[in-house]
Amino acid sequence: MKIKRTIQILASLALAGVTTAQTVEILNVSYDPTREFYREFNEAFAKHWKEKTGQDVRINQSHGGSGSQSRSVIDGLEADVVSLALAADVDAISKRAGLLPANWQERLPNESAPYTSTLVFLVRKGNPKNITSWEDLIRDDVQVITPNPKTSGAARWNYLAIYGYVIQRELGPEYAEKLKNEKDPEVIAAHNAARAFLTKVYKNVPVLDRGARAATNTFIQRRIGDVLINWENEILLGQNDLDAKGVEGVIPESSILAQPVVALVDKNVDKHGTREVAQAYLEYLYSPVGQDLAGKNYYRPTDPDAAAKYAHQFPKVNLFRLSEIFGSWAEAQSVHFDDGGEFDKIYQPNR
């Protein structure tokens, strides 16, 4: 009876997320394209943690559109850590659920972004529509595949990359300085041009998938659309298979520096008793091993040594920072993606 009761107690502790001395389990709620990277990273961290502490660690993964994943955590999915496509999705967890402090981005280096990426194009083999720049996305004969900014972090980066391209086109090299004068007629005209450009782009979007991986499947497997806007790492990771799939990559003249972020979900790790291992898990992303694996999986490492090692595999592209045009992610989210924001005005389904 005592043995049976002990087993029952251990089982109930495991269901509650409480760990034993011999093993610990954490959940990383992540966005769509990180599956391959975290599969390797989790194995490396488990080995590191075992060597350091003698404790086994099991890392469970959940993947989906970044916005959808954020809402799942808000609604009760008990993530120990999140690794999402953009800071706004972690901000939402902080504001709406109070699961971590508002200053979460200050707790790890590089504003809690251990690696970066950008957005590039995927087109049909041979590029029959001769798509080479953002300008081609507004042509009447081009169908564009991009996910829904309401549910996908990649989609919001896509939107901002296009908007930023038009701002630079309209205002020239001094765009960041000019944008400081919001009432300048030239600046107002530039914003209007960006809205008009995006309206034409979304007129060419036949379907809005919930996440980046679903959009990739729509383009490659369902063969819908002429161009897919997608994560650089997604395209580079699968570049050996692109020819067999009848597609190829195209690099636009400029794009945005995308900064996926990671964060500890304080209330959940304290509930589960996993704070120490979860914190170490995130810190290991910045280690030489973590940075090397990021580069191997075609994320741009933030560590200078790893960045230099993998520089050869990344295309040359003029990257601008979100802050140069949109301020903070909080501002970009409020203006462009919250209900009633610019995206809702621009995109009119069932036209």
Foldseek 3Di string as FASTA:
>chain_A
DVVVVVVVVVVVLVVLLADDLAEHEFEEEEEAPCVVLVVVLVVVLQVVCCVVRVHGYHYHYHYYAQLQSLVVVQVPPLHQKYWYQDPVSVCCCCVRRVQDHNQQLPPDPPSQFQFWWWKFKKFFAVLPVPDAALVSLLDPVFAEQAADPNQHSLNLQVLLFQLVVQQCVQPPPCSLVVVVPVPPPSNVVSNVVSLVSVLSNLVRYPDHHNYQVVSVCCCQVVVDTGMYIHIPLVCLQCVVCQVVSRMHIHGHQAIAITGTGMGGRRVSCVSNVNVVVSVVSSVCCNPPVNQLSCLVSPTQGPDPVSNVVNVVSDDDHHYDYCCSNQNGVVRSCVADPDVVHSVVVSNDPPD
